Amino acid sequence: SHDLMLQEIISGLGLSEKVGVAYVGSFRGLWLLRKGVIDIAPVHLLDPDTGDYNVPIIKNDRELREKSVLVKGYRRKLVLAYRTGEIIKGLEDILERNLRFVNRNQGSGTRAYIDAMLEKIAKARGISKEEISRQLRGYEYEVPNHNAVAAAIAQGRADAGICIEHAAYLYGLEYKELTEEHYDFAILKEGLNKDPVKGFIEFLKSDMLKNLTKKYKGYVVDETTGNVICC
């Protein structure tokens, strides 16, 4: 799953040339973890039934429970971003005004959040999720990461989209905070003794991470960062 600060963490630890890194989305990352293809899968998946992030997803998957642990990462503010001078209240406003939306790719945690929001709107209107998706102009316009969402809006290819606060800030966009999501790390148990994995977990617990978050708008760490929280 894509994250702006994670890119700097990997670079700062000197891991860029030692390990392979690919941003494939939370769901795809967990699939690869199950297969033993990767050692670490960053995840930010909201469980719509509990309102909690990540832990229920791991707990409810027997294979993931057996093969991995969930290590606490950090929190990020997720925002509805839009062009300067515009005022957009939410997805309902985008639907009613037929504004252009830029969506995230399927399999990403942000896409799961967007679809959950649309599901709620559809239920309130007494229609299907498929119907509300068809009504959202730009639902099929997918981009692969947070920067691409912000860039699409800044360059006039869309009126609004959902991304992390730091991406919206970098592109000079207006935005409205939606939620504070949890960006954690599912780690293969077999990989816990590998030096790059151990170094990564140690960094999560360090003051260096706390100092790094000061550079990134909307990021928060706490005393549980770096600890195993499941399962």
C-alpha atoms as a PDB file:
ATOM      1  CA  SER A   1       0.000   0.000   0.000  1.00  0.00           C
ATOM      2  CA  HIS A   2       1.374   3.378  -1.024  1.00  0.00           C
ATOM      3  CA  ASP A   3       2.635   5.799   1.615  1.00  0.00           C
ATOM      4  CA  LEU A   4       4.755   8.911   1.185  1.00  0.00           C
ATOM      5  CA  MET A   5       6.612   8.636   4.489  1.00  0.00           C
ATOM      6  CA  LEU A   6       7.302   4.928   4.009  1.00  0.00           C
ATOM      7  CA  GLN A   7       9.310   5.777   0.903  1.00  0.00           C
ATOM      8  CA  GLU A   8      11.631   7.942   3.000  1.00  0.00           C
ATOM      9  CA  ILE A   9      11.869   5.304   5.756  1.00  0.00           C
ATOM     10  CA  ILE A  10      12.995   2.679   3.241  1.00  0.00           C
ATOM     11  CA  SER A  11      15.514   5.070   1.721  1.00  0.00           C
ATOM     12  CA  GLY A  12      16.789   6.229   5.125  1.00  0.00           C
ATOM     13  CA  LEU A  13      17.386   2.656   6.261  1.00  0.00           C
ATOM     14  CA  GLY A  14      19.376   1.978   3.110  1.00  0.00           C
ATOM     15  CA  LEU A  15      16.923  -0.710   2.050  1.00  0.00           C
ATOM     16  CA  SER A  16      16.144   0.612  -1.425  1.00  0.00           C
ATOM     17  CA  GLU A  17      18.902  -1.453  -3.037  1.00  0.00           C
ATOM     18  CA  LYS A  18      18.642  -4.429  -0.664  1.00  0.00           C
ATOM     19  CA  VAL A  19      14.960  -5.284  -0.845  1.00  0.00           C
ATOM     20  CA  GLY A  20      12.284  -5.207  -3.512  1.00  0.00           C
ATOM     21  CA  VAL A  21       9.504  -2.659  -2.996  1.00  0.00           C
ATOM     22  CA  ALA A  22       6.209  -2.582  -4.899  1.00  0.00           C
ATOM     23  CA  TYR A  23       3.035  -0.608  -4.191  1.00  0.00           C
ATOM     24  CA  VAL A  24       0.205  -2.982  -5.063  1.00  0.00           C
ATOM     25  CA  GLY A  25      -2.556  -2.049  -2.607  1.00  0.00           C
ATOM     26  CA  SER A  26      -3.471  -3.499   0.784  1.00  0.00           C
ATOM     27  CA  PHE A  27      -5.502  -6.468  -0.473  1.00  0.00           C
ATOM     28  CA  ARG A  28      -2.919  -7.531  -3.044  1.00  0.00           C
ATOM     29  CA  GLY A  29      -0.179  -7.143  -0.440  1.00  0.00           C
ATOM     30  CA  LEU A  30      -1.958  -9.494   1.957  1.00  0.00           C
ATOM     31  CA  TRP A  31      -2.476 -12.002  -0.852  1.00  0.00           C
ATOM     32  CA  LEU A  32       1.263 -11.958  -1.581  1.00  0.00           C
ATOM     33  CA  LEU A  33       1.992 -12.332   2.140  1.00  0.00           C
ATOM     34  CA  ARG A  34      -0.201 -15.445   2.318  1.00  0.00           C
ATOM     35  CA  LYS A  35       1.781 -16.906  -0.575  1.00  0.00           C
ATOM     36  CA  GLY A  36       5.075 -16.181   1.192  1.00  0.00           C
ATOM     37  CA  VAL A  37       6.221 -13.960  -1.678  1.00  0.00           C
ATOM     38  CA  ILE A  38       6.847 -10.917   0.542  1.00  0.00           C
ATOM     39  CA  ASP A  39       7.853 -10.338   4.161  1.00  0.00           C
ATOM     40  CA  ILE A  40       5.997  -7.087   4.908  1.00  0.00           C
ATOM     41  CA  ALA A  41       2.598  -5.885   3.699  1.00  0.00           C
ATOM     42  CA  PRO A  42       1.544  -2.371   4.748  1.00  0.00           C
ATOM     43  CA  VAL A  43      -2.221  -2.264   5.302  1.00  0.00           C
ATOM     44  CA  HIS A  44      -4.898   0.320   6.050  1.00  0.00           C
ATOM     45  CA  LEU A  45      -8.149  -1.601   5.711  1.00  0.00           C
ATOM     46  CA  LEU A  46     -11.291  -0.444   7.474  1.00  0.00           C
ATOM     47  CA  ASP A  47     -13.601  -3.181   8.731  1.00  0.00           C
ATOM     48  CA  PRO A  48     -17.089  -1.762   8.058  1.00  0.00           C
ATOM     49  CA  ASP A  49     -18.725  -3.946  10.716  1.00  0.00           C
ATOM     50  CA  THR A  50     -16.554  -2.815  13.642  1.00  0.00           C
ATOM     51  CA  GLY A  51     -15.187   0.506  12.398  1.00  0.00           C
ATOM     52  CA  ASP A  52     -11.684  -0.710  13.285  1.00  0.00           C
ATOM     53  CA  TYR A  53      -8.662  -0.847  11.024  1.00  0.00           C
ATOM     54  CA  ASN A  54      -6.611  -3.921  10.098  1.00  0.00           C
ATOM     55  CA  VAL A  55      -6.917  -6.059  13.260  1.00  0.00           C
ATOM     56  CA  PRO A  56     -10.336  -7.562  12.344  1.00  0.00           C
ATOM     57  CA  ILE A  57      -9.081  -8.267   8.816  1.00  0.00           C
ATOM     58  CA  ILE A  58      -6.177 -10.345  10.155  1.00  0.00           C
ATOM     59  CA  LYS A  59      -8.193 -11.995  12.943  1.00  0.00           C
ATOM     60  CA  ASN A  60     -10.878 -13.158  10.528  1.00  0.00           C
ATOM     61  CA  ASP A  61      -8.388 -14.748   8.129  1.00  0.00           C
ATOM     62  CA  ARG A  62      -7.113 -18.074   9.482  1.00  0.00           C
ATOM     63  CA  GLU A  63      -4.171 -18.262   7.085  1.00  0.00           C
ATOM     64  CA  LEU A  64      -2.995 -14.746   7.915  1.00  0.00           C
ATOM     65  CA  ARG A  65      -3.349 -15.438  11.652  1.00  0.00           C
ATOM     66  CA  GLU A  66      -1.138 -18.485  11.313  1.00  0.00           C
ATOM     67  CA  LYS A  67       1.492 -16.986   9.028  1.00  0.00           C
ATOM     68  CA  SER A  68       1.830 -13.369  10.141  1.00  0.00           C
ATOM     69  CA  VAL A  69       1.764 -10.814  12.928  1.00  0.00           C
ATOM     70  CA  LEU A  70       0.403  -7.288  12.730  1.00  0.00           C
ATOM     71  CA  VAL A  71       2.836  -4.598  13.858  1.00  0.00           C
ATOM     72  CA  LYS A  72       1.501  -1.183  14.808  1.00  0.00           C
ATOM     73  CA  GLY A  73       2.516   1.540  12.396  1.00  0.00           C
ATOM     74  CA  TYR A  74       1.205   5.092  12.431  1.00  0.00           C
ATOM     75  CA  ARG A  75      -1.956   7.049  11.752  1.00  0.00           C
ATOM     76  CA  ARG A  76      -2.607   9.266   8.734  1.00  0.00           C
ATOM     77  CA  LYS A  77      -5.343  11.787   8.087  1.00  0.00           C
ATOM     78  CA  LEU A  78      -7.460  10.922   5.069  1.00  0.00           C
ATOM     79  CA  VAL A  79      -9.063  13.928   3.400  1.00  0.00           C
ATOM     80  CA  LEU A  80     -11.459  14.933   0.660  1.00  0.00           C
ATOM     81  CA  ALA A  81      -9.262  17.144  -1.524  1.00  0.00           C
ATOM     82  CA  TYR A  82     -10.471  19.726  -4.034  1.00  0.00           C
ATOM     83  CA  ARG A  83      -9.266  22.751  -5.958  1.00  0.00           C
ATOM     84  CA  THR A  84      -8.478  26.032  -4.230  1.00  0.00           C
ATOM     85  CA  GLY A  85     -11.470  28.354  -4.123  1.00  0.00           C
ATOM     86  CA  GLU A  86     -13.950  25.480  -4.242  1.00  0.00           C
ATOM     87  CA  ILE A  87     -16.102  24.286  -1.335  1.00  0.00           C
ATOM     88  CA  ILE A  88     -17.137  20.628  -1.364  1.00  0.00           C
ATOM     89  CA  LYS A  89     -18.871  19.160   1.666  1.00  0.00           C
ATOM     90  CA  GLY A  90     -18.557  15.454   0.888  1.00  0.00           C
ATOM     91  CA  LEU A  91     -19.304  12.649  -1.554  1.00  0.00           C
ATOM     92  CA  GLU A  92     -23.017  13.492  -1.440  1.00  0.00           C
ATOM     93  CA  ASP A  93     -22.169  17.011  -2.593  1.00  0.00           C
ATOM     94  CA  ILE A  94     -20.063  15.624  -5.455  1.00  0.00           C
ATOM     95  CA  LEU A  95     -22.949  13.393  -6.537  1.00  0.00           C
ATOM     96  CA  GLU A  96     -25.582  16.121  -6.352  1.00  0.00           C
ATOM     97  CA  ARG A  97     -23.461  18.647  -8.272  1.00  0.00           C
ATOM     98  CA  ASN A  98     -22.197  16.070 -10.803  1.00  0.00           C
ATOM     99  CA  LEU A  99     -18.595  17.038 -10.076  1.00  0.00           C
ATOM    100  CA  ARG A 100     -15.671  15.073 -11.506  1.00  0.00           C
ATOM    101  CA  PHE A 101     -14.190  12.551  -9.070  1.00  0.00           C
ATOM    102  CA  VAL A 102     -10.812  10.814  -9.263  1.00  0.00           C
ATOM    103  CA  ASN A 103     -10.922   7.324  -7.754  1.00  0.00           C
ATOM    104  CA  ARG A 104      -8.236   5.035  -6.350  1.00  0.00           C
ATOM    105  CA  ASN A 105      -7.300   1.670  -7.803  1.00  0.00           C
ATOM    106  CA  GLN A 106      -9.135  -1.486  -6.821  1.00  0.00           C
ATOM    107  CA  GLY A 107      -7.408  -3.375  -4.016  1.00  0.00           C
ATOM    108  CA  SER A 108      -6.143  -0.254  -2.252  1.00  0.00           C
ATOM    109  CA  GLY A 109      -7.218   0.621   1.280  1.00  0.00           C
ATOM    110  CA  THR A 110      -8.393   4.048   0.149  1.00  0.00           C
ATOM    111  CA  ARG A 111     -10.619   2.456  -2.509  1.00  0.00           C
ATOM    112  CA  ALA A 112     -12.121   0.191   0.154  1.00  0.00           C
ATOM    113  CA  TYR A 113     -12.893   3.288   2.246  1.00  0.00           C
ATOM    114  CA  ILE A 114     -14.473   5.082  -0.735  1.00  0.00           C
ATOM    115  CA  ASP A 115     -16.629   2.054  -1.565  1.00  0.00           C
ATOM    116  CA  ALA A 116     -17.748   1.773   2.071  1.00  0.00           C
ATOM    117  CA  MET A 117     -18.817   5.439   2.025  1.00  0.00           C
ATOM    118  CA  LEU A 118     -20.720   4.929  -1.226  1.00  0.00           C
ATOM    119  CA  GLU A 119     -22.389   1.841   0.236  1.00  0.00           C
ATOM    120  CA  LYS A 120     -23.743   3.964   3.103  1.00  0.00           C
ATOM    121  CA  ILE A 121     -25.026   6.642   0.731  1.00  0.00           C
ATOM    122  CA  ALA A 122     -26.666   4.009  -1.478  1.00  0.00           C
ATOM    123  CA  LYS A 123     -28.374   2.390   1.509  1.00  0.00           C
ATOM    124  CA  ALA A 124     -29.696   5.761   2.691  1.00  0.00           C
ATOM    125  CA  ARG A 125     -31.113   6.423  -0.784  1.00  0.00           C
ATOM    126  CA  GLY A 126     -32.576   2.951  -1.135  1.00  0.00           C
ATOM    127  CA  ILE A 127     -30.523   2.025  -4.184  1.00  0.00           C
ATOM    128  CA  SER A 128     -27.702  -0.405  -4.900  1.00  0.00           C
ATOM    129  CA  LYS A 129     -23.988   0.257  -4.545  1.00  0.00           C
ATOM    130  CA  GLU A 130     -23.655  -0.374  -8.295  1.00  0.00           C
ATOM    131  CA  GLU A 131     -26.231   2.321  -9.066  1.00  0.00           C
ATOM    132  CA  ILE A 132     -24.601   4.948  -6.834  1.00  0.00           C
ATOM    133  CA  SER A 133     -21.229   4.117  -8.417  1.00  0.00           C
ATOM    134  CA  ARG A 134     -22.669   4.745 -11.873  1.00  0.00           C
ATOM    135  CA  GLN A 135     -23.980   8.097 -10.670  1.00  0.00           C
ATOM    136  CA  LEU A 136     -20.558   9.194  -9.413  1.00  0.00           C
ATOM    137  CA  ARG A 137     -18.890  10.932 -12.337  1.00  0.00           C
ATOM    138  CA  GLY A 138     -15.345   9.597 -12.530  1.00  0.00           C
ATOM    139  CA  TYR A 139     -15.840   6.444 -10.459  1.00  0.00           C
ATOM    140  CA  GLU A 140     -14.016   4.473 -13.155  1.00  0.00           C
ATOM    141  CA  TYR A 141     -11.185   7.029 -13.381  1.00  0.00           C
ATOM    142  CA  GLU A 142      -8.618   5.199 -11.231  1.00  0.00           C
ATOM    143  CA  VAL A 143      -5.116   6.295 -10.247  1.00  0.00           C
ATOM    144  CA  PRO A 144      -2.504   4.241  -8.355  1.00  0.00           C
ATOM    145  CA  ASN A 145      -1.502   6.438  -5.408  1.00  0.00           C
ATOM    146  CA  HIS A 146      -2.193   9.503  -3.258  1.00  0.00           C
ATOM    147  CA  ASN A 147       0.064  11.834  -5.231  1.00  0.00           C
ATOM    148  CA  ALA A 148      -1.738  10.889  -8.439  1.00  0.00           C
ATOM    149  CA  VAL A 149      -5.084  11.835  -6.861  1.00  0.00           C
ATOM    150  CA  ALA A 150      -3.757  15.237  -5.801  1.00  0.00           C
ATOM    151  CA  ALA A 151      -2.079  15.790  -9.180  1.00  0.00           C
ATOM    152  CA  ALA A 152      -5.279  15.004 -11.095  1.00  0.00           C
ATOM    153  CA  ILE A 153      -7.122  17.671  -9.109  1.00  0.00           C
ATOM    154  CA  ALA A 154      -4.323  20.248  -9.283  1.00  0.00           C
ATOM    155  CA  GLN A 155      -4.026  19.769 -13.056  1.00  0.00           C
ATOM    156  CA  GLY A 156      -7.766  20.173 -13.629  1.00  0.00           C
ATOM    157  CA  ARG A 157      -8.507  16.582 -14.643  1.00  0.00           C
ATOM    158  CA  ALA A 158     -10.831  16.141 -11.657  1.00  0.00           C
ATOM    159  CA  ASP A 159     -12.684  18.356  -9.202  1.00  0.00           C
ATOM    160  CA  ALA A 160     -12.200  16.216  -6.105  1.00  0.00           C
ATOM    161  CA  GLY A 161     -10.751  12.995  -4.742  1.00  0.00           C
ATOM    162  CA  ILE A 162      -9.749  11.255  -1.528  1.00  0.00           C
ATOM    163  CA  CYS A 163      -6.092  11.097  -0.482  1.00  0.00           C
ATOM    164  CA  ILE A 164      -3.884  11.551   2.565  1.00  0.00           C
ATOM    165  CA  GLU A 165      -3.539  15.077   3.929  1.00  0.00           C
ATOM    166  CA  HIS A 166       0.152  15.399   3.076  1.00  0.00           C
ATOM    167  CA  ALA A 167      -0.478  14.777  -0.639  1.00  0.00           C
ATOM    168  CA  ALA A 168      -3.219  17.425  -0.712  1.00  0.00           C
ATOM    169  CA  TYR A 169      -0.913  19.824   1.130  1.00  0.00           C
ATOM    170  CA  LEU A 170       1.978  19.238  -1.298  1.00  0.00           C
ATOM    171  CA  TYR A 171      -0.217  20.126  -4.275  1.00  0.00           C
ATOM    172  CA  GLY A 172      -1.701  23.226  -2.651  1.00  0.00           C
ATOM    173  CA  LEU A 173      -5.253  21.903  -2.533  1.00  0.00           C
ATOM    174  CA  GLU A 174      -8.127  22.708  -0.234  1.00  0.00           C
ATOM    175  CA  TYR A 175      -9.354  19.736   1.755  1.00  0.00           C
ATOM    176  CA  LYS A 176     -11.736  18.463   4.397  1.00  0.00           C
ATOM    177  CA  GLU A 177     -10.633  15.838   6.921  1.00  0.00           C
ATOM    178  CA  LEU A 178     -12.625  12.600   6.697  1.00  0.00           C
ATOM    179  CA  THR A 179     -10.970  10.192   9.111  1.00  0.00           C
ATOM    180  CA  GLU A 180      -7.698   9.209  10.749  1.00  0.00           C
ATOM    181  CA  GLU A 181      -6.750   5.844   9.332  1.00  0.00           C
ATOM    182  CA  HIS A 182      -4.328   3.298  10.769  1.00  0.00           C
ATOM    183  CA  TYR A 183      -1.401   2.339   8.546  1.00  0.00           C
ATOM    184  CA  ASP A 184       0.032  -0.869  10.021  1.00  0.00           C
ATOM    185  CA  PHE A 185       2.350  -3.648   8.848  1.00  0.00           C
ATOM    186  CA  ALA A 186       1.459  -7.326   8.444  1.00  0.00           C
ATOM    187  CA  ILE A 187       4.746  -9.211   8.713  1.00  0.00           C
ATOM    188  CA  LEU A 188       5.440 -12.819   7.810  1.00  0.00           C
ATOM    189  CA  LYS A 189       6.476 -14.733  10.937  1.00  0.00           C
ATOM    190  CA  GLU A 190       9.201 -16.498   8.970  1.00  0.00           C
ATOM    191  CA  GLY A 191      10.678 -13.119   8.088  1.00  0.00           C
ATOM    192  CA  LEU A 192      10.889 -11.680  11.600  1.00  0.00           C
ATOM    193  CA  ASN A 193      14.516 -12.781  12.033  1.00  0.00           C
ATOM    194  CA  LYS A 194      15.715 -11.259   8.768  1.00  0.00           C
ATOM    195  CA  ASP A 195      17.999  -8.275   9.346  1.00  0.00           C
ATOM    196  CA  PRO A 196      16.075  -5.822   7.106  1.00  0.00           C
ATOM    197  CA  VAL A 197      12.810  -6.727   8.863  1.00  0.00           C
ATOM    198  CA  LYS A 198      14.359  -6.392  12.327  1.00  0.00           C
ATOM    199  CA  GLY A 199      15.871  -3.044  11.342  1.00  0.00           C
ATOM    200  CA  PHE A 200      12.530  -1.834  10.038  1.00  0.00           C
ATOM    201  CA  ILE A 201      10.701  -2.710  13.279  1.00  0.00           C
ATOM    202  CA  GLU A 202      13.447  -1.084  15.356  1.00  0.00           C
ATOM    203  CA  PHE A 203      13.075   2.094  13.305  1.00  0.00           C
ATOM    204  CA  LEU A 204       9.321   2.145  13.959  1.00  0.00           C
ATOM    205  CA  LYS A 205      10.056   2.196  17.706  1.00  0.00           C
ATOM    206  CA  SER A 206      12.752   4.860  17.460  1.00  0.00           C
ATOM    207  CA  ASP A 207      12.819   8.610  18.026  1.00  0.00           C
ATOM    208  CA  MET A 208      13.951   8.921  14.405  1.00  0.00           C
ATOM    209  CA  LEU A 209      10.444   8.024  13.258  1.00  0.00           C
ATOM    210  CA  LYS A 210       8.911  10.540  15.667  1.00  0.00           C
ATOM    211  CA  ASN A 211      11.161  13.235  14.216  1.00  0.00           C
ATOM    212  CA  LEU A 212      10.385  12.157  10.659  1.00  0.00           C
ATOM    213  CA  THR A 213       6.627  12.511  11.167  1.00  0.00           C
ATOM    214  CA  LYS A 214       7.132  16.229  11.851  1.00  0.00           C
ATOM    215  CA  LYS A 215       7.906  16.631   8.136  1.00  0.00           C
ATOM    216  CA  TYR A 216       4.669  14.962   7.046  1.00  0.00           C
ATOM    217  CA  LYS A 217       1.360  16.722   7.549  1.00  0.00           C
ATOM    218  CA  GLY A 218      -1.330  14.569   9.137  1.00  0.00           C
ATOM    219  CA  TYR A 219       0.932  11.753  10.398  1.00  0.00           C
ATOM    220  CA  VAL A 220       0.813  10.591  14.037  1.00  0.00           C
ATOM    221  CA  VAL A 221       2.853   8.023  15.996  1.00  0.00           C
ATOM    222  CA  ASP A 222       2.321   6.919  19.592  1.00  0.00           C
ATOM    223  CA  GLU A 223       3.809   4.650  22.251  1.00  0.00           C
ATOM    224  CA  THR A 224       2.388   1.513  20.594  1.00  0.00           C
ATOM    225  CA  THR A 225       4.113   2.100  17.241  1.00  0.00           C
ATOM    226  CA  GLY A 226       6.373  -0.862  16.461  1.00  0.00           C
ATOM    227  CA  ASN A 227       4.557  -3.254  18.823  1.00  0.00           C
ATOM    228  CA  VAL A 228       2.789  -6.447  17.776  1.00  0.00           C
ATOM    229  CA  ILE A 229      -0.960  -5.812  18.078  1.00  0.00           C
ATOM    230  CA  CYS A 230      -2.263  -9.003  16.500  1.00  0.00           C
ATOM    231  CA  CYS A 231      -2.595 -12.020  16.403  1.00  0.00           C
END
